[in-house]
Amino acid sequence: MVDREWTDWKFTREDLKRTPSVVACGWTVEREELDRAKACGLIQSASRKLQLPQITSASACVYLHRFFMRHSLKEYHHYNIAATCLFVACKAEESLRKLDSFIPVIVYYASKGIRKAPPGTTEFEKWRAVILRTEVVILQALCFDMVVEHPHVVLIDLCDRLGLSRHLSQMAWNFIGDCMRLPLCLVHSAKSISCASVSLAARVCPQEARGVGLADDSWLDRIGTDRAAVADVAQWLLEFYTREAQSRMTRGVAENAESAQTPISSPGSAASPMSHVQPSPSELK
């Protein structure tokens, strides 16, 4: 079990192998990472539907990653924590939403569009009780520490300093959105995450990158960042993409096998509405 001061949110990758979910509940590191990513995917999708600032969504993801360093995924379902972390972040970032509009959006994305929960229904009241009850648990686990350093803010400054095109900036912004789904914020600084996102964007668009002097990683020295940390962030994200793709393929095969034995009259499995495309930097409020 990770033994640290409650207000210390800096960990190592070795610490992620000793979380409550791994040590006490039998989760593998890879399974925990996927569950965290799914939870953050819910946060991001619901945030877009609720038209929340990107900072609110990002804060909620950070709260979730911090929470699961103190509690296990067996003890608390990741979607319950995702919903409550977003609700807490709305308060912390002063972008409040009423539960009457908040809960139906959460239920829609958590159920992949299958369920509805308008106010007054049993489903709505169930989620309302879960969020209000879990809010206290989350605040206690976080020691009421709502301060988050956001890579999005760092990226905006980087885009100006490096003279990135709108396309490169958008690409880097998208990578940061995916970074928030992983516990990178527990291990690396916002600056390292932001620089890694720019580095990945440069790899995807090499011609544009050469045009602004990003043909190699020498620009990292100019802005004074840790190359090793940036490389670790980029490699971590790329490895996750591979694992996530494999997980989707496995899940798809299982769903197809199940549907082959299901009567046509039964409702099918809804495709996930979760999108990883992030808003543009101009939407950061």
Protein backbone atom coordinates (compact mmCIF):
# COMPACT_ATOMS: atom_id res chain seq x y z
CA MET A 1 0.00 0.00 0.00
CA VAL A 2 1.22 3.48 -0.82
CA ASP A 3 2.34 5.22 2.38
CA ARG A 4 2.53 8.97 1.88
CA GLU A 5 1.34 12.19 3.43
CA TRP A 6 -2.27 12.83 2.51
CA THR A 7 -1.50 16.13 0.86
CA ASP A 8 1.40 14.79 -1.22
CA TRP A 9 0.10 14.03 -4.71
CA LYS A 10 3.40 13.21 -6.38
CA PHE A 11 3.95 9.51 -6.98
CA THR A 12 6.20 7.22 -8.99
CA ARG A 13 5.25 4.55 -11.50
CA GLU A 14 6.22 2.00 -8.86
CA ASP A 15 3.60 3.50 -6.56
CA LEU A 16 0.96 2.73 -9.18
CA LYS A 17 1.79 -0.95 -8.71
CA ARG A 18 0.88 -0.64 -5.02
CA THR A 19 -2.51 1.04 -5.14
CA PRO A 20 -5.39 -0.27 -3.00
CA SER A 21 -6.98 -1.83 -6.10
CA VAL A 22 -3.81 -3.75 -6.96
CA VAL A 23 -2.61 -4.71 -3.50
CA ALA A 24 -5.85 -5.48 -1.71
CA CYS A 25 -8.32 -6.31 -4.47
CA GLY A 26 -6.42 -8.22 -7.13
CA TRP A 27 -6.65 -5.70 -9.97
CA THR A 28 -3.74 -5.71 -12.38
CA VAL A 29 -2.04 -2.40 -13.11
CA GLU A 30 -3.36 -2.60 -16.67
CA ARG A 31 -6.93 -3.29 -15.57
CA GLU A 32 -6.88 -0.38 -13.14
CA GLU A 33 -5.51 1.92 -15.83
CA LEU A 34 -8.32 0.93 -18.22
CA ASP A 35 -10.99 1.46 -15.55
CA ARG A 36 -9.56 4.88 -14.73
CA ALA A 37 -9.55 5.73 -18.44
CA LYS A 38 -13.18 4.67 -18.84
CA ALA A 39 -14.15 6.82 -15.86
CA CYS A 40 -12.32 9.83 -17.29
CA GLY A 41 -13.94 9.16 -20.65
CA LEU A 42 -17.31 9.51 -18.92
CA ILE A 43 -16.16 12.77 -17.33
CA GLN A 44 -15.02 14.20 -20.66
CA SER A 45 -18.13 13.16 -22.57
CA ALA A 46 -20.50 14.49 -19.92
CA SER A 47 -18.49 17.72 -19.69
CA ARG A 48 -18.87 18.37 -23.40
CA LYS A 49 -22.62 17.74 -23.27
CA LEU A 50 -22.98 20.03 -20.25
CA GLN A 51 -20.80 22.65 -21.99
CA LEU A 52 -18.38 22.80 -19.08
CA PRO A 53 -15.00 24.55 -19.33
CA GLN A 54 -12.09 22.25 -20.13
CA ILE A 55 -10.53 23.13 -16.79
CA THR A 56 -13.52 21.66 -14.95
CA SER A 57 -13.27 18.38 -16.84
CA ALA A 58 -9.51 18.19 -16.28
CA SER A 59 -9.84 18.91 -12.55
CA ALA A 60 -12.40 16.12 -12.23
CA CYS A 61 -10.01 13.65 -13.90
CA VAL A 62 -7.22 14.65 -11.52
CA TYR A 63 -9.51 14.26 -8.50
CA LEU A 64 -10.45 10.76 -9.71
CA HIS A 65 -6.83 9.68 -10.12
CA ARG A 66 -5.95 11.01 -6.67
CA PHE A 67 -8.98 9.31 -5.12
CA PHE A 68 -8.01 5.87 -6.38
CA MET A 69 -4.60 6.21 -4.75
CA ARG A 70 -6.52 6.10 -1.45
CA HIS A 71 -9.46 3.81 -2.25
CA SER A 72 -10.00 0.75 -4.42
CA LEU A 73 -12.05 0.21 -7.55
CA LYS A 74 -13.68 -2.75 -5.84
CA GLU A 75 -14.92 -0.56 -3.02
CA TYR A 76 -16.14 2.28 -5.28
CA HIS A 77 -17.35 1.84 -8.85
CA HIS A 78 -15.38 4.02 -11.22
CA TYR A 79 -18.49 5.56 -12.82
CA ASN A 80 -19.87 6.60 -9.43
CA ILE A 81 -16.58 8.28 -8.61
CA ALA A 82 -16.38 9.86 -12.06
CA ALA A 83 -19.83 11.42 -11.69
CA THR A 84 -19.11 12.71 -8.22
CA CYS A 85 -15.66 14.05 -9.11
CA LEU A 86 -17.20 16.03 -11.95
CA PHE A 87 -19.87 17.37 -9.61
CA VAL A 88 -17.18 18.41 -7.12
CA ALA A 89 -15.10 19.98 -9.88
CA CYS A 90 -18.09 22.04 -11.01
CA LYS A 91 -18.15 23.57 -7.55
CA ALA A 92 -14.39 23.98 -7.26
CA GLU A 93 -14.09 25.67 -10.67
CA GLU A 94 -17.24 27.74 -10.21
CA SER A 95 -19.05 26.20 -13.17
CA LEU A 96 -22.09 24.93 -11.31
CA ARG A 97 -24.72 22.71 -12.87
CA LYS A 98 -28.00 21.66 -11.24
CA LEU A 99 -28.49 17.98 -10.56
CA ASP A 100 -31.68 18.10 -12.64
CA SER A 101 -29.56 18.60 -15.76
CA PHE A 102 -26.36 16.96 -14.51
CA ILE A 103 -27.65 13.48 -13.64
CA PRO A 104 -29.51 12.70 -16.91
CA VAL A 105 -26.32 13.41 -18.87
CA ILE A 106 -24.23 11.19 -16.57
CA VAL A 107 -26.72 8.33 -16.84
CA TYR A 108 -26.88 8.62 -20.63
CA TYR A 109 -23.13 8.28 -21.10
CA ALA A 110 -22.61 5.77 -18.27
CA SER A 111 -25.19 3.47 -19.87
CA LYS A 112 -23.96 4.13 -23.44
CA GLY A 113 -27.23 5.81 -24.31
CA ILE A 114 -29.49 3.01 -23.10
CA ARG A 115 -30.93 4.54 -19.92
CA LYS A 116 -32.65 7.81 -19.17
CA ALA A 117 -33.00 9.47 -15.79
CA PRO A 118 -35.27 12.51 -15.86
CA PRO A 119 -35.91 14.20 -12.50
CA GLY A 120 -38.44 12.37 -10.35
CA THR A 121 -37.60 8.89 -11.60
CA THR A 122 -36.15 6.08 -9.51
CA GLU A 123 -32.96 6.11 -11.59
CA PHE A 124 -32.52 9.84 -10.98
CA GLU A 125 -32.99 9.50 -7.21
CA LYS A 126 -30.55 6.59 -7.08
CA TRP A 127 -27.81 8.64 -8.75
CA ARG A 128 -28.65 11.68 -6.67
CA ALA A 129 -28.16 9.68 -3.49
CA VAL A 130 -24.90 8.19 -4.77
CA ILE A 131 -23.43 11.57 -5.73
CA LEU A 132 -24.39 13.35 -2.52
CA ARG A 133 -23.17 10.46 -0.36
CA THR A 134 -19.91 9.99 -2.26
CA GLU A 135 -19.12 13.71 -2.38
CA VAL A 136 -18.11 13.69 1.28
CA VAL A 137 -15.94 10.59 0.80
CA ILE A 138 -14.10 12.21 -2.10
CA LEU A 139 -13.50 15.50 -0.30
CA GLN A 140 -12.10 13.62 2.69
CA ALA A 141 -9.86 11.47 0.48
CA LEU A 142 -8.54 14.61 -1.21
CA CYS A 143 -8.11 16.37 2.14
CA PHE A 144 -10.18 19.17 0.61
CA ASP A 145 -7.19 19.95 -1.64
CA MET A 146 -8.78 21.20 -4.85
CA VAL A 147 -5.66 22.82 -6.32
CA VAL A 148 -4.67 21.42 -9.72
CA GLU A 149 -1.89 22.47 -12.09
CA HIS A 150 -3.31 22.11 -15.60
CA PRO A 151 -1.23 21.15 -18.66
CA HIS A 152 -3.83 22.94 -20.81
CA VAL A 153 -2.74 26.29 -19.39
CA VAL A 154 0.91 25.43 -20.01
CA LEU A 155 0.10 24.38 -23.58
CA ILE A 156 -1.46 27.72 -24.43
CA ASP A 157 1.77 29.44 -23.43
CA LEU A 158 3.84 26.87 -25.36
CA CYS A 159 1.80 27.40 -28.52
CA ASP A 160 2.61 31.10 -28.37
CA ARG A 161 6.30 30.63 -27.56
CA LEU A 162 6.86 28.02 -30.26
CA GLY A 163 4.65 29.65 -32.87
CA LEU A 164 2.59 26.52 -33.45
CA SER A 165 -0.01 26.47 -36.20
CA ARG A 166 -3.66 26.08 -35.27
CA HIS A 167 -3.59 22.49 -36.55
CA LEU A 168 -0.53 21.53 -34.47
CA SER A 169 -2.00 23.27 -31.42
CA GLN A 170 -5.28 21.38 -31.83
CA MET A 171 -3.42 18.10 -32.21
CA ALA A 172 -1.43 18.73 -29.03
CA TRP A 173 -4.65 19.74 -27.25
CA ASN A 174 -6.23 16.42 -28.24
CA PHE A 175 -3.24 14.48 -26.86
CA ILE A 176 -3.56 16.32 -23.54
CA GLY A 177 -7.18 15.21 -23.38
CA ASP A 178 -6.07 11.60 -23.68
CA CYS A 179 -3.29 12.17 -21.15
CA MET A 180 -5.90 13.21 -18.58
CA ARG A 181 -7.47 9.74 -18.84
CA LEU A 182 -4.26 8.23 -17.45
CA PRO A 183 -2.67 8.80 -14.01
CA LEU A 184 0.11 10.82 -15.65
CA CYS A 185 -0.83 13.79 -13.49
CA LEU A 186 0.27 11.80 -10.42
CA VAL A 187 3.76 11.14 -11.77
CA HIS A 188 4.65 14.00 -14.10
CA SER A 189 4.32 17.78 -14.02
CA ALA A 190 1.86 19.73 -16.13
CA LYS A 191 4.81 21.08 -18.12
CA SER A 192 6.09 17.60 -18.98
CA ILE A 193 2.62 16.46 -20.06
CA SER A 194 2.15 19.56 -22.19
CA CYS A 195 5.57 19.20 -23.85
CA ALA A 196 4.94 15.51 -24.54
CA SER A 197 1.66 16.40 -26.23
CA VAL A 198 3.46 18.91 -28.48
CA SER A 199 6.14 16.30 -29.22
CA LEU A 200 3.51 13.73 -30.22
CA ALA A 201 1.72 16.29 -32.38
CA ALA A 202 5.04 17.01 -34.12
CA ARG A 203 5.47 13.29 -34.86
CA VAL A 204 1.99 13.11 -36.39
CA CYS A 205 2.55 16.24 -38.50
CA PRO A 206 6.30 16.23 -39.29
CA GLN A 207 6.11 18.68 -42.18
CA GLU A 208 4.31 21.31 -40.12
CA ALA A 209 6.68 20.62 -37.22
CA ARG A 210 9.74 21.30 -39.36
CA GLY A 211 8.23 24.60 -40.41
CA VAL A 212 8.27 25.86 -36.80
CA GLY A 213 11.60 24.34 -35.76
CA LEU A 214 10.30 21.15 -34.16
CA ALA A 215 12.04 18.72 -36.49
CA ASP A 216 13.76 17.15 -33.47
CA ASP A 217 13.49 17.46 -29.69
CA SER A 218 16.12 20.18 -29.31
CA TRP A 219 13.30 22.65 -28.61
CA LEU A 220 12.82 20.93 -25.25
CA ASP A 221 16.21 22.25 -24.15
CA ARG A 222 15.25 25.77 -25.17
CA ILE A 223 12.27 25.81 -22.84
CA GLY A 224 14.09 24.01 -20.05
CA THR A 225 12.16 20.80 -19.55
CA ASP A 226 13.16 17.27 -18.60
CA ARG A 227 13.61 15.21 -21.77
CA ALA A 228 13.37 11.91 -19.91
CA ALA A 229 10.05 12.91 -18.33
CA VAL A 230 8.65 14.03 -21.68
CA ALA A 231 9.73 10.77 -23.30
CA ASP A 232 8.11 8.76 -20.52
CA VAL A 233 4.79 10.60 -20.90
CA ALA A 234 4.76 10.05 -24.66
CA GLN A 235 5.69 6.37 -24.41
CA TRP A 236 3.13 5.79 -21.65
CA LEU A 237 0.34 7.26 -23.78
CA LEU A 238 1.34 5.32 -26.90
CA GLU A 239 1.46 2.06 -24.96
CA PHE A 240 -1.97 2.81 -23.55
CA TYR A 241 -3.39 3.33 -27.04
CA THR A 242 -2.20 -0.18 -27.92
CA ARG A 243 -3.70 -1.76 -24.78
CA GLU A 244 -6.97 0.09 -25.24
CA ALA A 245 -7.26 -1.04 -28.86
CA GLN A 246 -6.61 -4.65 -27.83
CA SER A 247 -9.23 -4.36 -25.08
CA ARG A 248 -11.81 -3.03 -27.52
CA MET A 249 -11.12 -5.84 -29.97
CA THR A 250 -11.52 -8.46 -27.23
CA ARG A 251 -14.71 -6.82 -25.98
CA GLY A 252 -16.07 -6.59 -29.52
CA VAL A 253 -15.52 -10.29 -30.17
CA ALA A 254 -17.29 -11.16 -26.91
CA GLU A 255 -20.25 -8.88 -27.71
CA ASN A 256 -20.58 -10.33 -31.21
CA ALA A 257 -20.59 -13.88 -29.82
CA GLU A 258 -23.25 -12.91 -27.30
CA SER A 259 -25.43 -11.12 -29.86
CA ALA A 260 -25.34 -14.20 -32.11
CA GLN A 261 -27.26 -16.05 -29.40
CA THR A 262 -29.64 -13.17 -28.61
CA PRO A 263 -33.19 -13.02 -30.09
CA ILE A 264 -33.61 -10.25 -32.65
CA SER A 265 -36.39 -8.73 -30.53
CA SER A 266 -33.92 -8.01 -27.70
CA PRO A 267 -32.32 -4.57 -27.68
CA GLY A 268 -28.78 -4.60 -28.99
CA SER A 269 -25.70 -3.21 -27.34
CA ALA A 270 -25.45 0.53 -27.97
CA ALA A 271 -22.20 1.82 -29.40
CA SER A 272 -20.24 4.00 -27.05
CA PRO A 273 -20.96 7.69 -27.66
CA MET A 274 -17.73 8.69 -25.97
CA SER A 275 -15.47 10.76 -28.21
CA HIS A 276 -11.86 11.65 -27.52
CA VAL A 277 -11.87 14.81 -29.64
CA GLN A 278 -11.20 17.76 -27.36
CA PRO A 279 -12.39 21.36 -27.67
CA SER A 280 -10.03 23.91 -29.13
CA PRO A 281 -7.78 25.97 -26.84
CA SER A 282 -10.08 28.95 -27.35
CA GLU A 283 -12.75 27.10 -25.36
CA LEU A 284 -10.59 26.97 -22.25
CA LYS A 285 -12.24 29.21 -19.66
